[in-house]
N, C-alpha and C. Protein backbone atom coordinates (compact mmCIF):
# COMPACT_ATOMS: atom_id res chain seq x y z
N MET A 1 0.71 -1.25 0.21
CA MET A 1 0.08 0.14 0.15
C MET A 1 1.08 1.21 -0.12
N ASP A 2 2.10 1.32 0.76
CA ASP A 2 2.63 2.28 0.64
C ASP A 2 3.31 2.85 -1.05
N ALA A 3 3.29 1.72 -1.77
CA ALA A 3 3.90 1.75 -2.90
C ALA A 3 2.50 2.60 -3.82
N ILE A 4 1.60 2.55 -3.44
CA ILE A 4 0.42 3.23 -4.12
C ILE A 4 0.36 4.74 -3.39
N ARG A 5 0.80 4.94 -2.22
CA ARG A 5 0.59 5.89 -1.81
C ARG A 5 1.85 6.96 -2.23
N ASN A 6 3.03 6.27 -2.26
CA ASN A 6 4.56 6.99 -2.78
C ASN A 6 4.31 7.17 -4.52
N GLY A 7 3.57 6.68 -4.78
CA GLY A 7 3.20 7.14 -6.45
C GLY A 7 4.15 5.96 -7.15
N CYS A 8 4.59 4.61 -6.63
CA CYS A 8 5.68 3.84 -7.34
C CYS A 8 4.90 2.99 -8.59
N ASN A 9 5.02 3.28 -9.41
CA ASN A 9 4.38 2.02 -10.12
C ASN A 9 5.51 1.30 -11.31
N HIS A 10 6.48 1.39 -10.78
CA HIS A 10 8.14 0.39 -11.26
C HIS A 10 8.06 1.14 -12.68
N SER A 11 7.88 2.34 -12.96
CA SER A 11 8.16 2.84 -14.24
C SER A 11 9.66 3.40 -14.00
N ARG A 12 10.30 3.73 -15.16
CA ARG A 12 11.51 4.34 -15.03
C ARG A 12 11.56 5.65 -14.16
N ARG A 13 10.35 6.58 -14.35
CA ARG A 13 10.63 7.68 -13.83
C ARG A 13 10.10 7.61 -12.28
N GLY A 14 9.53 6.60 -12.08
CA GLY A 14 8.69 6.26 -10.60
C GLY A 14 7.90 7.19 -10.52
N ARG A 15 7.17 7.81 -11.23
CA ARG A 15 6.02 8.86 -11.06
C ARG A 15 4.86 8.05 -11.53
N ARG A 16 3.56 8.24 -10.76
CA ARG A 16 2.08 7.87 -11.12
C ARG A 16 1.66 8.97 -11.87
N ALA A 17 1.12 8.72 -12.95
CA ALA A 17 0.47 9.38 -13.65
C ALA A 17 -0.65 9.30 -13.77
N ILE A 18 -1.63 10.53 -13.62
CA ILE A 18 -3.05 10.25 -13.65
C ILE A 18 -3.55 11.06 -14.64
N PRO A 19 -4.84 10.50 -15.48
CA PRO A 19 -5.10 11.38 -16.63
C PRO A 19 -5.96 12.59 -16.13
N SER A 20 -5.51 13.81 -16.58
CA SER A 20 -6.08 14.92 -16.13
C SER A 20 -7.32 15.16 -16.72
N ALA A 21 -8.54 15.77 -15.96
CA ALA A 21 -9.51 15.86 -16.35
C ALA A 21 -10.11 16.52 -17.56
N GLY A 22 -9.05 17.17 -18.05
CA GLY A 22 -9.56 18.01 -19.30
C GLY A 22 -8.66 17.64 -20.74
N SER A 23 -8.03 16.27 -20.17
CA SER A 23 -7.19 15.92 -21.60
C SER A 23 -7.97 15.47 -22.49
N LYS A 24 -8.77 15.02 -22.63
CA LYS A 24 -9.61 14.38 -23.59
C LYS A 24 -8.87 13.22 -24.45
N ASN A 25 -8.04 12.32 -23.80
CA ASN A 25 -7.00 11.22 -24.25
C ASN A 25 -5.89 12.08 -25.51
N LYS A 26 -5.58 13.14 -25.01
CA LYS A 26 -4.78 13.79 -25.94
C LYS A 26 -3.24 13.58 -25.57
N GLY A 27 -3.22 12.48 -24.61
CA GLY A 27 -1.89 12.09 -24.17
C GLY A 27 -1.43 12.99 -22.68
N ARG A 28 -1.95 13.99 -22.47
CA ARG A 28 -1.56 14.78 -21.31
C ARG A 28 -2.13 14.02 -19.96
N PHE A 29 -1.13 14.20 -18.95
CA PHE A 29 -1.44 13.28 -17.86
C PHE A 29 -1.24 14.19 -16.76
N MET A 30 -2.02 14.10 -15.58
CA MET A 30 -1.95 14.96 -14.44
C MET A 30 -0.84 14.00 -13.52
N THR A 31 0.12 14.80 -13.15
CA THR A 31 0.97 13.63 -12.05
C THR A 31 0.57 13.71 -10.80
N LYS A 32 1.29 13.19 -9.78
CA LYS A 32 0.59 12.95 -8.45
C LYS A 32 0.69 14.27 -7.44
N SER A 33 1.94 14.70 -7.93
CA SER A 33 2.35 16.12 -7.22
C SER A 33 1.08 17.09 -7.88
N GLU A 34 0.54 17.09 -9.39
CA GLU A 34 -0.38 18.28 -9.57
C GLU A 34 -1.65 17.74 -9.10
N LEU A 35 -2.08 16.31 -8.81
CA LEU A 35 -3.25 16.05 -8.20
C LEU A 35 -3.33 16.74 -6.75
N ILE A 36 -2.19 16.40 -5.87
CA ILE A 36 -2.21 16.79 -4.65
C ILE A 36 -2.41 18.31 -4.64
N ASP A 37 -1.66 19.18 -5.58
CA ASP A 37 -1.94 20.51 -5.67
C ASP A 37 -3.19 20.94 -5.71
N ALA A 38 -3.99 20.37 -6.64
CA ALA A 38 -5.53 20.76 -7.01
C ALA A 38 -6.26 20.22 -6.05
N VAL A 39 -5.97 19.19 -5.40
CA VAL A 39 -7.00 18.88 -3.72
C VAL A 39 -6.59 19.94 -3.00
N ALA A 40 -5.40 20.14 -2.67
CA ALA A 40 -4.94 20.91 -1.54
C ALA A 40 -5.70 22.40 -1.81
N SER A 41 -5.63 22.96 -2.99
CA SER A 41 -6.22 24.05 -3.30
C SER A 41 -7.62 24.10 -3.43
N ALA A 42 -8.31 22.87 -3.82
CA ALA A 42 -9.72 23.03 -3.99
C ALA A 42 -10.64 22.67 -2.51
N ALA A 43 -9.75 22.48 -1.22
CA ALA A 43 -10.42 21.95 -0.27
C ALA A 43 -9.53 22.91 0.56
N ASN A 44 -8.87 23.68 0.30
CA ASN A 44 -8.17 24.78 1.23
C ASN A 44 -7.57 24.23 2.34
N VAL A 45 -6.84 23.30 2.05
CA VAL A 45 -6.03 22.79 2.91
C VAL A 45 -4.39 22.59 2.47
N SER A 46 -3.42 22.15 3.36
CA SER A 46 -2.39 22.10 2.95
C SER A 46 -2.02 21.11 2.33
N LYS A 47 -0.67 20.96 1.47
CA LYS A 47 -0.42 19.85 0.64
C LYS A 47 -0.40 18.44 1.32
N ALA A 48 0.36 18.64 2.39
CA ALA A 48 0.69 17.46 3.27
C ALA A 48 -0.48 17.01 3.80
N ASP A 49 -1.36 17.60 4.25
CA ASP A 49 -2.99 17.16 4.50
C ASP A 49 -3.61 16.44 3.15
N ALA A 50 -3.29 16.82 2.21
CA ALA A 50 -3.99 16.51 1.07
C ALA A 50 -3.50 15.33 0.72
N GLU A 51 -1.75 15.33 0.85
CA GLU A 51 -1.39 13.95 0.30
C GLU A 51 -1.69 12.81 1.09
N ARG A 52 -1.94 13.25 2.66
CA ARG A 52 -2.15 12.41 3.81
C ARG A 52 -3.56 11.50 3.16
N THR A 53 -4.52 12.33 2.94
CA THR A 53 -6.00 12.30 2.81
C THR A 53 -6.15 11.45 1.41
N ILE A 54 -5.55 11.32 0.43
CA ILE A 54 -5.65 10.80 -0.83
C ILE A 54 -4.80 9.58 -0.60
N GLY A 55 -3.56 9.23 0.21
CA GLY A 55 -3.02 8.42 0.31
C GLY A 55 -3.79 7.44 1.29
N ALA A 56 -4.60 8.06 2.07
CA ALA A 56 -5.67 6.99 3.27
C ALA A 56 -6.77 6.67 2.51
N PHE A 57 -7.24 7.13 1.46
CA PHE A 57 -8.39 6.81 0.39
C PHE A 57 -7.66 5.48 -0.28
N PHE A 58 -6.88 5.57 -0.77
CA PHE A 58 -6.24 4.77 -1.57
C PHE A 58 -6.06 3.46 -0.82
N ASP A 59 -5.45 3.72 0.46
CA ASP A 59 -5.06 2.43 1.27
C ASP A 59 -6.59 1.76 1.66
N THR A 60 -7.30 2.61 1.92
CA THR A 60 -8.84 2.14 2.33
C THR A 60 -9.49 1.35 1.36
N VAL A 61 -9.62 1.91 -0.14
CA VAL A 61 -9.76 1.06 -1.02
C VAL A 61 -9.38 -0.16 -1.38
N VAL A 62 -7.89 -0.35 -1.45
CA VAL A 62 -7.29 -1.54 -1.25
C VAL A 62 -7.36 -2.38 -0.39
N SER A 63 -7.44 -1.90 0.73
CA SER A 63 -7.56 -2.89 1.96
C SER A 63 -9.03 -3.51 1.85
N ASN A 64 -10.03 -2.94 1.36
CA ASN A 64 -11.23 -3.53 1.29
C ASN A 64 -11.25 -4.12 -0.02
N ALA A 65 -10.81 -3.90 -0.99
CA ALA A 65 -10.86 -4.85 -2.06
C ALA A 65 -10.07 -5.94 -1.68
N LYS A 66 -9.07 -6.26 -1.16
CA LYS A 66 -8.36 -7.16 -0.50
C LYS A 66 -9.40 -8.18 0.14
N LYS A 67 -10.23 -7.76 1.14
CA LYS A 67 -11.14 -8.57 1.76
C LYS A 67 -12.64 -8.91 0.76
N GLY A 68 -12.30 -8.53 -0.52
CA GLY A 68 -13.40 -8.81 -1.22
C GLY A 68 -14.82 -7.86 -1.34
N ASP A 69 -14.34 -6.70 -0.49
CA ASP A 69 -15.39 -5.53 -0.13
C ASP A 69 -15.69 -4.78 -1.67
N LYS A 70 -16.57 -4.49 -2.15
CA LYS A 70 -16.86 -3.03 -2.97
C LYS A 70 -17.00 -1.83 -2.26
N VAL A 71 -16.18 -0.79 -2.63
CA VAL A 71 -16.11 0.54 -2.23
C VAL A 71 -16.89 1.53 -3.03
N ALA A 72 -17.80 2.14 -2.84
CA ALA A 72 -18.90 3.06 -3.65
C ALA A 72 -18.99 4.43 -2.96
N TRP A 73 -18.74 5.39 -4.03
CA TRP A 73 -19.15 6.67 -3.96
C TRP A 73 -20.36 6.97 -4.77
N PRO A 74 -21.50 7.48 -4.07
CA PRO A 74 -22.78 7.54 -4.91
C PRO A 74 -22.44 8.78 -5.85
N GLY A 75 -22.75 8.85 -6.93
CA GLY A 75 -22.79 9.98 -7.79
C GLY A 75 -21.47 9.91 -8.65
N PHE A 76 -20.38 9.14 -7.78
CA PHE A 76 -18.89 8.97 -8.89
C PHE A 76 -18.66 7.82 -9.48
N GLY A 77 -18.83 6.21 -8.45
CA GLY A 77 -18.43 5.05 -9.14
C GLY A 77 -18.05 4.27 -7.93
N ALA A 78 -17.76 2.99 -8.24
CA ALA A 78 -17.60 1.91 -7.40
C ALA A 78 -16.31 1.16 -7.58
N PHE A 79 -15.72 0.82 -6.62
CA PHE A 79 -14.05 0.05 -6.82
C PHE A 79 -14.53 -1.27 -6.48
N SER A 80 -14.31 -2.48 -7.36
CA SER A 80 -14.47 -3.89 -6.73
C SER A 80 -13.37 -4.80 -7.13
N VAL A 81 -13.27 -6.02 -6.74
CA VAL A 81 -12.20 -6.81 -7.22
C VAL A 81 -12.90 -7.59 -8.26
N THR A 82 -12.29 -7.93 -9.35
CA THR A 82 -12.73 -8.80 -10.38
C THR A 82 -11.80 -10.31 -10.52
N LYS A 83 -12.39 -11.44 -10.89
CA LYS A 83 -11.41 -12.35 -10.54
C LYS A 83 -11.15 -12.85 -12.15
N ARG A 84 -9.98 -13.26 -12.44
CA ARG A 84 -9.62 -13.55 -13.77
C ARG A 84 -9.19 -14.92 -13.79
N PRO A 85 -10.17 -15.66 -14.44
CA PRO A 85 -9.50 -17.13 -14.17
C PRO A 85 -8.08 -17.30 -14.84
N ALA A 86 -7.56 -18.97 -14.78
CA ALA A 86 -6.57 -19.01 -15.38
C ALA A 86 -6.93 -19.64 -16.77
N ARG A 87 -5.75 -19.23 -17.74
CA ARG A 87 -6.14 -19.41 -19.07
C ARG A 87 -4.79 -19.65 -19.74
N THR A 88 -4.97 -20.01 -21.17
CA THR A 88 -3.71 -20.16 -21.92
C THR A 88 -3.38 -19.13 -22.80
N GLY A 89 -2.31 -18.50 -22.84
CA GLY A 89 -2.05 -17.24 -23.98
C GLY A 89 -0.99 -17.88 -24.91
N ARG A 90 -0.50 -16.74 -25.48
CA ARG A 90 0.62 -17.19 -26.41
C ARG A 90 1.69 -16.47 -26.29
N ASN A 91 2.85 -17.07 -26.53
CA ASN A 91 4.11 -16.00 -26.27
C ASN A 91 4.33 -15.36 -27.65
N PRO A 92 4.30 -14.20 -27.56
CA PRO A 92 4.21 -13.49 -29.26
C PRO A 92 5.36 -13.57 -29.84
N ARG A 93 6.47 -14.09 -29.17
CA ARG A 93 7.80 -13.94 -30.24
C ARG A 93 7.60 -15.65 -30.80
N THR A 94 7.45 -16.25 -30.16
CA THR A 94 7.39 -18.05 -30.90
C THR A 94 5.94 -18.36 -31.07
N GLY A 95 5.32 -17.57 -30.33
CA GLY A 95 3.80 -18.43 -30.87
C GLY A 95 3.24 -19.71 -29.94
N GLU A 96 4.69 -20.07 -28.94
CA GLU A 96 4.12 -21.17 -28.18
C GLU A 96 2.94 -21.03 -26.79
N PRO A 97 2.29 -22.07 -26.68
CA PRO A 97 1.19 -21.61 -25.75
C PRO A 97 2.06 -21.37 -24.31
N VAL A 98 1.47 -20.60 -23.57
CA VAL A 98 2.02 -20.14 -22.12
C VAL A 98 0.78 -20.38 -21.06
N LYS A 99 0.97 -20.89 -19.87
CA LYS A 99 -0.23 -21.02 -18.72
C LYS A 99 -0.13 -19.63 -18.21
N ILE A 100 -1.23 -19.04 -17.83
CA ILE A 100 -1.22 -17.74 -17.28
C ILE A 100 -2.20 -17.94 -15.82
N LYS A 101 -1.76 -17.84 -14.83
CA LYS A 101 -2.36 -18.02 -13.80
C LYS A 101 -3.72 -17.02 -13.38
N ALA A 102 -4.53 -17.79 -12.53
CA ALA A 102 -5.52 -17.07 -12.06
C ALA A 102 -5.42 -15.49 -11.29
N SER A 103 -5.63 -14.78 -11.29
CA SER A 103 -5.67 -13.71 -10.69
C SER A 103 -6.55 -12.71 -10.42
N ASN A 104 -6.41 -11.70 -9.31
CA ASN A 104 -7.33 -10.82 -9.24
C ASN A 104 -6.87 -9.46 -9.70
N ALA A 105 -7.89 -8.66 -9.91
CA ALA A 105 -7.89 -7.16 -10.61
C ALA A 105 -8.75 -6.07 -10.12
N MET A 106 -8.61 -5.07 -9.86
CA MET A 106 -9.11 -3.88 -9.24
C MET A 106 -10.03 -3.65 -10.90
N LYS A 107 -11.44 -3.21 -10.34
CA LYS A 107 -12.27 -2.63 -11.38
C LYS A 107 -12.94 -1.42 -10.82
N PHE A 108 -12.91 -0.48 -11.84
CA PHE A 108 -14.07 0.73 -11.55
C PHE A 108 -14.86 0.74 -12.49
N SER A 109 -15.93 0.96 -11.63
CA SER A 109 -17.33 1.20 -12.67
C SER A 109 -18.06 2.39 -12.42
N ALA A 110 -18.00 3.37 -13.12
CA ALA A 110 -18.37 4.53 -13.08
C ALA A 110 -20.21 4.74 -13.14
N SER A 111 -20.32 5.77 -12.05
CA SER A 111 -21.99 5.79 -11.68
C SER A 111 -23.04 6.28 -13.32
N SER A 112 -23.92 6.14 -13.31
CA SER A 112 -24.82 6.99 -14.33
C SER A 112 -24.40 8.37 -14.23
N THR A 113 -24.41 8.82 -13.17
CA THR A 113 -24.35 10.39 -12.81
C THR A 113 -22.81 10.81 -13.50
N LEU A 114 -22.02 10.09 -12.96
CA LEU A 114 -20.64 10.45 -13.93
C LEU A 114 -20.50 10.46 -14.96
N LYS A 115 -21.12 9.34 -15.52
CA LYS A 115 -21.19 9.12 -17.31
C LYS A 115 -21.88 10.26 -17.70
N SER A 116 -23.29 10.69 -17.13
CA SER A 116 -23.89 11.72 -18.02
C SER A 116 -23.03 13.20 -17.73
N THR A 117 -22.49 13.41 -16.47
CA THR A 117 -21.49 14.40 -16.82
C THR A 117 -20.32 14.65 -17.59
N LEU A 118 -19.90 13.53 -17.76
CA LEU A 118 -18.71 13.35 -18.71
C LEU A 118 -19.32 13.42 -20.39
N ASN A 119 -20.44 12.82 -20.49
CA ASN A 119 -21.25 13.04 -21.93
C ASN A 119 -22.16 13.98 -22.07
């Protein structure tokens, strides 16, 4: 969970990129620091308080998802875990079959209110 809070996504730069609200898929991403600045400004709190709050939110979502619970925010959407069954894939280089283990994945479902706001 600290990896999420610290923005570690195992990329070369070690920065978590979050699509910005106004990007319209043009390749512009809001960085973690930009998100913290925006939240701190909108909530009229310090950047440290905003970072702790956002970190606590993600920690709560992850810990509840691990338990199998769904985390919902009315008017925004819901986070839940979906189970991916084991399957056979193909090595793109050789074409030979590869066994892929079953896994869990995080899923976000946008609420109808959010969808209508975006459209």
